[in-house]
Protein backbone atom coordinates (compact mmCIF):
# COMPACT_ATOMS: atom_id res chain seq x y z
CA MET A 1 110.00 68.65 117.08
CA ASP A 2 107.67 69.30 120.02
CA ALA A 3 105.06 72.06 119.82
CA LEU A 4 106.86 74.59 122.06
CA THR A 5 110.14 74.18 120.18
CA THR A 6 108.31 74.69 116.89
CA LEU A 7 106.51 77.78 118.14
CA GLN A 8 109.66 79.27 119.65
CA SER A 9 111.92 78.58 116.66
CA ARG A 10 109.61 79.32 113.70
CA VAL A 11 110.91 81.92 111.27
CA SER A 12 109.64 83.22 107.96
CA SER A 13 111.42 82.21 104.79
CA SER A 14 111.08 84.80 102.04
CA LEU A 15 113.43 83.33 99.42
CA LEU A 16 111.43 80.44 98.01
CA GLU A 17 111.65 78.13 95.02
CA ASN A 18 110.09 74.96 93.64
CA PRO A 19 108.77 72.64 94.74
CA GLY A 20 105.83 74.06 96.59
CA PRO A 21 103.83 72.09 99.12
CA THR A 22 102.11 68.93 97.94
CA PRO A 23 98.30 68.62 98.07
CA GLN A 24 98.69 66.38 101.13
CA GLN A 25 100.85 69.00 102.88
CA ILE A 26 98.32 71.71 102.06
CA ASP A 27 95.59 69.52 103.58
CA GLU A 28 97.70 69.05 106.73
CA MET A 29 98.31 72.81 107.00
CA ILE A 30 94.60 73.57 106.59
CA LYS A 31 93.72 70.98 109.25
CA ALA A 32 96.23 72.64 111.62
CA GLY A 33 94.97 76.10 110.71
CA SER A 34 91.42 75.08 111.41
CA ARG A 35 92.27 74.32 115.05
CA ALA A 36 92.54 78.06 115.80
CA PRO A 37 90.17 79.38 118.48
CA ASP A 38 86.76 79.87 116.87
CA HIS A 39 83.99 81.36 119.00
CA ALA A 40 80.64 79.69 118.20
CA GLY A 41 82.31 77.37 115.68
CA LEU A 42 81.56 79.72 112.79
CA ARG A 43 84.66 78.76 110.80
CA PRO A 44 84.86 82.28 109.36
CA TRP A 45 87.57 81.49 106.85
CA ARG A 46 88.24 80.05 103.44
CA PHE A 47 91.31 79.67 101.23
CA ILE A 48 92.22 80.45 97.64
CA LEU A 49 95.26 78.63 96.23
CA ILE A 50 97.27 80.30 93.49
CA GLU A 51 99.75 77.95 91.83
CA GLY A 52 101.31 77.30 88.43
CA ASP A 53 100.02 79.49 85.60
CA SER A 54 97.44 81.03 87.92
CA ARG A 55 100.31 83.09 89.32
CA LEU A 56 100.57 84.87 85.94
CA ARG A 57 96.88 85.80 86.10
CA PHE A 58 97.41 86.90 89.70
CA GLY A 59 100.30 89.12 88.58
CA GLU A 60 98.05 90.71 85.95
CA LEU A 61 95.42 91.30 88.63
CA LEU A 62 98.01 92.96 90.89
CA ALA A 63 99.14 95.15 87.98
CA ARG A 64 95.54 96.24 87.29
CA SER A 65 95.05 97.06 90.96
CA ASN A 66 98.12 99.33 90.89
CA THR A 67 97.14 101.13 87.69
CA PRO A 68 95.03 104.30 87.88
CA GLU A 69 91.56 103.96 86.36
CA ASN A 70 91.43 104.56 82.59
CA ALA A 71 95.24 104.56 82.33
CA GLU A 72 97.56 102.25 80.45
CA PRO A 73 99.58 100.06 82.81
CA ASP A 74 103.13 101.28 83.32
CA PRO A 75 105.67 98.58 82.30
CA ALA A 76 107.44 99.00 85.66
CA ILE A 77 104.16 98.35 87.51
CA ILE A 78 103.53 95.25 85.41
CA GLU A 79 107.06 93.95 86.00
CA ASN A 80 106.82 94.53 89.76
CA ALA A 81 103.40 92.86 89.98
CA MET A 82 104.55 89.84 87.97
CA ARG A 83 107.63 89.50 90.19
CA LYS A 84 105.42 89.53 93.31
CA ALA A 85 103.18 86.83 91.84
CA GLN A 86 106.22 84.64 91.11
CA ARG A 87 107.86 84.94 94.57
CA ALA A 88 106.82 81.42 95.51
CA PRO A 89 105.39 78.34 93.82
CA THR A 90 102.26 78.50 96.00
CA ILE A 91 100.31 81.47 97.29
CA MET A 92 97.53 80.75 99.75
CA VAL A 93 95.06 83.57 100.20
CA VAL A 94 93.39 83.40 103.61
CA VAL A 95 89.96 85.00 103.48
CA ALA A 96 87.83 85.99 106.46
CA SER A 97 84.20 85.17 105.65
CA ILE A 98 82.14 87.21 108.07
CA THR A 99 78.78 85.93 109.30
CA GLU A 100 76.44 88.17 111.21
CA HIS A 101 76.19 86.71 114.70
CA PRO A 102 74.73 88.14 117.93
CA LYS A 103 77.70 87.05 120.08
CA VAL A 104 80.64 87.04 117.68
CA PRO A 105 81.51 90.48 116.30
CA GLU A 106 83.17 90.99 112.92
CA ILE A 107 86.56 91.84 114.45
CA GLU A 108 86.62 88.55 116.35
CA GLN A 109 85.93 86.64 113.14
CA ILE A 110 88.73 88.49 111.33
CA ILE A 111 91.13 87.76 114.19
CA CYS A 112 90.06 84.11 114.05
CA ALA A 113 90.98 83.97 110.34
CA GLY A 114 94.32 85.59 111.26
CA ALA A 115 94.91 82.88 113.87
CA VAL A 116 94.17 80.29 111.18
CA ALA A 117 96.82 81.93 108.96
CA SER A 118 99.29 81.87 111.84
CA ASN A 119 98.64 78.18 112.46
CA ILE A 120 99.13 77.46 108.76
CA ILE A 121 102.51 79.18 108.73
CA THR A 122 103.57 77.26 111.84
CA ALA A 123 102.40 73.99 110.30
CA ALA A 124 104.36 74.81 107.13
CA PHE A 125 107.50 75.34 109.23
CA THR A 126 106.93 72.01 110.97
CA LEU A 127 106.63 70.30 107.57
CA GLY A 128 109.87 71.92 106.34
CA ILE A 129 108.05 74.25 103.97
CA GLY A 130 109.25 77.82 103.73
CA ALA A 131 106.47 80.35 104.23
CA TYR A 132 105.87 84.00 104.85
CA TRP A 133 102.82 86.20 105.31
CA ARG A 134 102.19 89.38 103.33
CA THR A 135 99.21 91.63 103.00
CA GLY A 136 99.92 95.14 101.73
CA ALA A 137 97.66 97.28 99.57
CA ALA A 138 96.58 94.33 97.41
CA ALA A 139 94.70 92.82 100.36
CA PHE A 140 92.46 95.89 100.48
CA SER A 141 92.11 96.51 96.76
CA PRO A 142 88.54 96.20 95.42
CA ILE A 143 90.04 95.08 92.10
CA VAL A 144 91.96 92.23 93.75
CA LYS A 145 88.98 91.24 95.91
CA GLN A 146 86.67 91.15 92.89
CA GLY A 147 89.25 89.36 90.74
CA LEU A 148 89.64 86.64 93.38
CA GLY A 149 85.88 86.26 93.69
CA LEU A 150 85.39 87.61 97.20
CA GLU A 151 81.88 88.36 98.41
CA GLU A 152 80.79 91.58 100.15
CA ASN A 153 81.16 89.92 103.56
CA GLU A 154 84.75 88.80 102.93
CA GLN A 155 88.18 90.28 103.53
CA ILE A 156 91.68 89.16 102.66
CA VAL A 157 93.60 88.44 105.85
CA ALA A 158 96.83 87.08 104.39
CA PHE A 159 98.74 86.17 101.30
CA ILE A 160 100.88 83.25 102.47
CA TYR A 161 103.76 82.55 100.10
CA MET A 162 105.04 78.95 100.31
CA GLY A 163 107.79 76.87 98.76
CA THR A 164 111.19 75.36 99.37
CA PRO A 165 113.59 77.71 101.19
CA ARG A 166 116.48 78.79 98.92
CA VAL A 167 118.78 79.53 101.85
CA SER A 168 119.28 78.14 105.34
CA LEU A 169 116.78 79.49 107.81
CA ARG A 170 118.05 82.11 110.20
CA THR A 171 117.99 81.68 113.95
CA PRO A 172 115.19 83.74 115.44
CA PRO A 173 116.23 86.54 117.78
CA SER A 174 115.76 85.76 121.43
CA ILE A 175 113.16 87.67 123.38
CA THR A 176 112.76 88.49 127.02
CA PRO A 177 109.12 87.86 127.90
CA SER A 178 109.17 90.34 130.78
CA ASP A 179 109.78 93.12 128.23
CA TYR A 180 106.23 92.58 127.00
CA ILE A 181 104.36 92.06 130.25
CA THR A 182 102.58 94.62 132.39
CA ARG A 183 101.09 93.26 135.59
CA TRP A 184 97.92 94.95 136.65
């Protein structure tokens, strides 16, 4: 599949099952992700892979982040968090690692990490791996950030869920580019 066809036909796949991507496929996706535009070559990103039994620990972390301080976790909250952690065989957390730089502001570095995440999802599609991007409240939770070992200068940009699509991929809706263009 050529690059334009891939970019124009990529869709998210939210119903995922085993197997997840192989280590070689993950390496290929990270190589593709790392080709995102990167002002000053800062490489302001890193990745955390959550696979296998680590997903259970991740579910517990999500449950703690959704439980009020000094309260017992509600069984419904625990069940929901565990279900989220088991949505896919592989969860890749894309982290923006911000470096103070005189010419590259923080927002540009965060956007760069987002472009890396986008490239990874496109590479997954090209490799036949189902993937979808989620953030939500967990991405901003101090409990989740601490539990995943993030530093003060880091932010979660994406939780990318990956695995084998359980259903056929849908056809993306067509768009009319002129609907999104304003000429100045």
